[in-house]
Amino acid sequence: MPDYAVIVYFDHESEGKIRRIQSEVSRVTGNTYLSDNKILPHITLSLFSKESYQEILEDLAAFAPELRDVSVSLSSIGIFNSSPAVVNLLPVVSDELIRIHTSLTGILSRHISDFDPYYERADWVPHCAVAVNINPMN
């Protein structure tokens, strides 16, 4: 079953600032995965498995206006200490960010039961990756 994600992108100015951080992290670590794969800075709101996404497109289109003019403050740097590791910019988890996540989950729950547990409310850690697939330094 294919995996799908619902992600939100940043405005042009914020994207440029995040890309500069990503470039510096790439320079220091030698890891260019994000730029090599042309992955734009984003925050993932949901990750799920489903045979086809077609039936949820109308609901997602109706949800999209809720994302206009949302303010996100990336306030700290964090590391998912997985193997390989991920370096992230972490937003302030505001009421607005929680509202959007909760609203989207409610909408998707009408169609989906197989959510990635890391993107369910209790375990969701909103983040914007600046480097992924980082191998430990020797």
C-alpha atoms as a PDB file:
ATOM      1  CA  MET A   1       0.000   0.000   0.000  1.00  0.00           C
ATOM      2  CA  PRO A   2       1.488   3.402  -0.954  1.00  0.00           C
ATOM      3  CA  ASP A   3       2.352   6.006   1.644  1.00  0.00           C
ATOM      4  CA  TYR A   4       1.148   9.599   1.310  1.00  0.00           C
ATOM      5  CA  ALA A   5       1.930  12.759   3.231  1.00  0.00           C
ATOM      6  CA  VAL A   6       0.146  16.047   3.749  1.00  0.00           C
ATOM      7  CA  ILE A   7       2.796  18.731   4.019  1.00  0.00           C
ATOM      8  CA  VAL A   8       2.817  22.503   4.238  1.00  0.00           C
ATOM      9  CA  TYR A   9       5.414  24.693   2.592  1.00  0.00           C
ATOM     10  CA  PHE A  10       6.762  28.028   3.742  1.00  0.00           C
ATOM     11  CA  ASP A  11       6.443  31.409   2.083  1.00  0.00           C
ATOM     12  CA  HIS A  12       9.240  32.389  -0.302  1.00  0.00           C
ATOM     13  CA  GLU A  13      11.179  34.523   2.202  1.00  0.00           C
ATOM     14  CA  SER A  14      11.075  31.877   4.952  1.00  0.00           C
ATOM     15  CA  GLU A  15      12.001  29.151   2.476  1.00  0.00           C
ATOM     16  CA  GLY A  16      15.128  31.109   1.514  1.00  0.00           C
ATOM     17  CA  LYS A  17      16.203  31.451   5.154  1.00  0.00           C
ATOM     18  CA  ILE A  18      15.672  27.750   5.816  1.00  0.00           C
ATOM     19  CA  ARG A  19      17.568  26.808   2.639  1.00  0.00           C
ATOM     20  CA  ARG A  20      20.547  28.845   3.840  1.00  0.00           C
ATOM     21  CA  ILE A  21      20.546  26.845   7.082  1.00  0.00           C
ATOM     22  CA  GLN A  22      20.217  23.603   5.120  1.00  0.00           C
ATOM     23  CA  SER A  23      23.177  24.635   2.939  1.00  0.00           C
ATOM     24  CA  GLU A  24      25.341  25.344   5.974  1.00  0.00           C
ATOM     25  CA  VAL A  25      24.425  22.015   7.576  1.00  0.00           C
ATOM     26  CA  SER A  26      25.208  20.293   4.254  1.00  0.00           C
ATOM     27  CA  ARG A  27      28.583  22.041   4.124  1.00  0.00           C
ATOM     28  CA  VAL A  28      29.478  20.960   7.653  1.00  0.00           C
ATOM     29  CA  THR A  29      28.193  17.379   7.411  1.00  0.00           C
ATOM     30  CA  GLY A  30      28.767  16.657   3.733  1.00  0.00           C
ATOM     31  CA  ASN A  31      25.175  15.430   3.588  1.00  0.00           C
ATOM     32  CA  THR A  32      23.345  16.809   0.557  1.00  0.00           C
ATOM     33  CA  TYR A  33      20.292  14.517   0.574  1.00  0.00           C
ATOM     34  CA  LEU A  34      17.687  17.305   0.750  1.00  0.00           C
ATOM     35  CA  SER A  35      19.207  19.398  -2.035  1.00  0.00           C
ATOM     36  CA  ASP A  36      20.081  16.360  -4.183  1.00  0.00           C
ATOM     37  CA  ASN A  37      16.441  15.252  -4.023  1.00  0.00           C
ATOM     38  CA  LYS A  38      15.048  18.788  -4.415  1.00  0.00           C
ATOM     39  CA  ILE A  39      13.063  18.507  -1.169  1.00  0.00           C
ATOM     40  CA  LEU A  40      11.646  21.910  -0.286  1.00  0.00           C
ATOM     41  CA  PRO A  41      11.505  23.043   3.359  1.00  0.00           C
ATOM     42  CA  HIS A  42       8.206  21.883   4.829  1.00  0.00           C
ATOM     43  CA  ILE A  43       6.347  20.610   7.880  1.00  0.00           C
ATOM     44  CA  THR A  44       4.584  17.275   7.568  1.00  0.00           C
ATOM     45  CA  LEU A  45       1.105  17.318   9.088  1.00  0.00           C
ATOM     46  CA  SER A  46       0.166  13.719   8.351  1.00  0.00           C
ATOM     47  CA  LEU A  47       1.622  10.518   6.933  1.00  0.00           C
ATOM     48  CA  PHE A  48      -0.607   7.598   6.051  1.00  0.00           C
ATOM     49  CA  SER A  49      -1.038   4.515   3.902  1.00  0.00           C
ATOM     50  CA  LYS A  50      -3.892   4.197   1.444  1.00  0.00           C
ATOM     51  CA  GLU A  51      -4.493   2.419  -1.852  1.00  0.00           C
ATOM     52  CA  SER A  52      -5.537   5.652  -3.578  1.00  0.00           C
ATOM     53  CA  TYR A  53      -5.659   9.270  -2.517  1.00  0.00           C
ATOM     54  CA  GLN A  54      -8.301  10.328  -5.063  1.00  0.00           C
ATOM     55  CA  GLU A  55     -11.257  10.133  -2.670  1.00  0.00           C
ATOM     56  CA  ILE A  56      -9.690  12.573  -0.207  1.00  0.00           C
ATOM     57  CA  LEU A  57      -8.746  15.312  -2.682  1.00  0.00           C
ATOM     58  CA  GLU A  58     -12.028  17.200  -2.295  1.00  0.00           C
ATOM     59  CA  ASP A  59     -11.707  17.238   1.508  1.00  0.00           C
ATOM     60  CA  LEU A  60      -8.072  18.368   1.264  1.00  0.00           C
ATOM     61  CA  ALA A  61      -9.036  21.153  -1.138  1.00  0.00           C
ATOM     62  CA  ALA A  62     -11.671  22.338   1.354  1.00  0.00           C
ATOM     63  CA  PHE A  63      -9.078  22.162   4.175  1.00  0.00           C
ATOM     64  CA  ALA A  64      -6.344  24.073   2.320  1.00  0.00           C
ATOM     65  CA  PRO A  65      -7.721  27.599   3.009  1.00  0.00           C
ATOM     66  CA  GLU A  66      -7.252  26.936   6.750  1.00  0.00           C
ATOM     67  CA  LEU A  67      -3.505  27.074   6.084  1.00  0.00           C
ATOM     68  CA  ARG A  68      -3.460  30.603   4.676  1.00  0.00           C
ATOM     69  CA  ASP A  69      -1.727  33.163   6.843  1.00  0.00           C
ATOM     70  CA  VAL A  70      -0.688  30.632   9.476  1.00  0.00           C
ATOM     71  CA  SER A  71       2.276  31.907  11.443  1.00  0.00           C
ATOM     72  CA  VAL A  72       4.965  29.399  12.380  1.00  0.00           C
ATOM     73  CA  SER A  73       7.893  30.372  14.571  1.00  0.00           C
ATOM     74  CA  LEU A  74      10.875  28.037  14.159  1.00  0.00           C
ATOM     75  CA  SER A  75      12.500  28.606  17.511  1.00  0.00           C
ATOM     76  CA  SER A  76      15.009  25.839  18.141  1.00  0.00           C
ATOM     77  CA  ILE A  77      17.148  23.135  16.616  1.00  0.00           C
ATOM     78  CA  GLY A  78      16.643  19.487  17.449  1.00  0.00           C
ATOM     79  CA  ILE A  79      17.916  16.073  16.456  1.00  0.00           C
ATOM     80  CA  PHE A  80      15.915  12.922  15.994  1.00  0.00           C
ATOM     81  CA  ASN A  81      18.448  10.490  17.382  1.00  0.00           C
ATOM     82  CA  SER A  82      17.472   7.770  14.974  1.00  0.00           C
ATOM     83  CA  SER A  83      19.792   5.799  12.783  1.00  0.00           C
ATOM     84  CA  PRO A  84      20.441   7.644  10.562  1.00  0.00           C
ATOM     85  CA  ALA A  85      19.793  10.890  12.419  1.00  0.00           C
ATOM     86  CA  VAL A  86      17.709  13.898  11.339  1.00  0.00           C
ATOM     87  CA  VAL A  87      18.530  17.522  12.191  1.00  0.00           C
ATOM     88  CA  ASN A  88      15.440  19.743  12.461  1.00  0.00           C
ATOM     89  CA  LEU A  89      14.219  23.235  13.045  1.00  0.00           C
ATOM     90  CA  LEU A  90      11.430  22.958  15.599  1.00  0.00           C
ATOM     91  CA  PRO A  91       8.458  25.312  15.683  1.00  0.00           C
ATOM     92  CA  VAL A  92       6.743  26.647  18.746  1.00  0.00           C
ATOM     93  CA  VAL A  93       3.794  24.271  19.124  1.00  0.00           C
ATOM     94  CA  SER A  94       1.128  26.946  19.124  1.00  0.00           C
ATOM     95  CA  ASP A  95      -2.620  26.570  19.553  1.00  0.00           C
ATOM     96  CA  GLU A  96      -2.931  27.400  15.847  1.00  0.00           C
ATOM     97  CA  LEU A  97      -0.562  24.605  14.810  1.00  0.00           C
ATOM     98  CA  ILE A  98      -2.387  22.100  17.028  1.00  0.00           C
ATOM     99  CA  ARG A  99      -5.754  23.276  15.657  1.00  0.00           C
ATOM    100  CA  ILE A 100      -4.617  22.726  12.072  1.00  0.00           C
ATOM    101  CA  HIS A 101      -3.215  19.286  12.850  1.00  0.00           C
ATOM    102  CA  THR A 102      -6.355  18.267  14.738  1.00  0.00           C
ATOM    103  CA  SER A 103      -8.624  19.553  11.980  1.00  0.00           C
ATOM    104  CA  LEU A 104      -6.694  17.705   9.283  1.00  0.00           C
ATOM    105  CA  THR A 105      -6.634  14.474  11.270  1.00  0.00           C
ATOM    106  CA  GLY A 106     -10.408  14.708  11.742  1.00  0.00           C
ATOM    107  CA  ILE A 107     -10.946  15.224   8.028  1.00  0.00           C
ATOM    108  CA  LEU A 108      -8.625  12.394   7.017  1.00  0.00           C
ATOM    109  CA  SER A 109     -10.082  10.008   9.611  1.00  0.00           C
ATOM    110  CA  ARG A 110     -13.243   9.828   7.513  1.00  0.00           C
ATOM    111  CA  HIS A 111     -11.211   8.034   4.839  1.00  0.00           C
ATOM    112  CA  ILE A 112      -8.098   6.616   6.518  1.00  0.00           C
ATOM    113  CA  SER A 113      -7.407   4.298   9.400  1.00  0.00           C
ATOM    114  CA  ASP A 114      -3.739   3.527   8.722  1.00  0.00           C
ATOM    115  CA  PHE A 115      -1.900   6.637   9.982  1.00  0.00           C
ATOM    116  CA  ASP A 116       1.799   6.612  10.744  1.00  0.00           C
ATOM    117  CA  PRO A 117       1.854   6.667  14.564  1.00  0.00           C
ATOM    118  CA  TYR A 118       4.564   9.372  14.638  1.00  0.00           C
ATOM    119  CA  TYR A 119       2.072  11.772  13.038  1.00  0.00           C
ATOM    120  CA  GLU A 120      -0.833  11.106  15.385  1.00  0.00           C
ATOM    121  CA  ARG A 121      -1.557  13.802  17.970  1.00  0.00           C
ATOM    122  CA  ALA A 122       0.033  12.138  20.994  1.00  0.00           C
ATOM    123  CA  ASP A 123       3.361  11.492  19.231  1.00  0.00           C
ATOM    124  CA  TRP A 124       3.494  14.216  16.575  1.00  0.00           C
ATOM    125  CA  VAL A 125       6.600  16.390  16.771  1.00  0.00           C
ATOM    126  CA  PRO A 126       6.237  19.138  14.180  1.00  0.00           C
ATOM    127  CA  HIS A 127       9.574  19.814  12.529  1.00  0.00           C
ATOM    128  CA  CYS A 128      11.304  21.118   9.439  1.00  0.00           C
ATOM    129  CA  ALA A 129      14.250  18.934   8.477  1.00  0.00           C
ATOM    130  CA  VAL A 130      17.495  20.698   7.626  1.00  0.00           C
ATOM    131  CA  ALA A 131      19.464  17.440   7.201  1.00  0.00           C
ATOM    132  CA  VAL A 132      18.325  13.829   6.944  1.00  0.00           C
ATOM    133  CA  ASN A 133      20.165  10.528   6.767  1.00  0.00           C
ATOM    134  CA  ILE A 134      23.004  11.854   8.917  1.00  0.00           C
ATOM    135  CA  ASN A 135      25.410   9.084   9.842  1.00  0.00           C
ATOM    136  CA  PRO A 136      27.200   9.276  13.200  1.00  0.00           C
ATOM    137  CA  MET A 137      30.654  10.781  13.034  1.00  0.00           C
ATOM    138  CA  ASN A 138      33.482   8.459  13.991  1.00  0.00           C
END
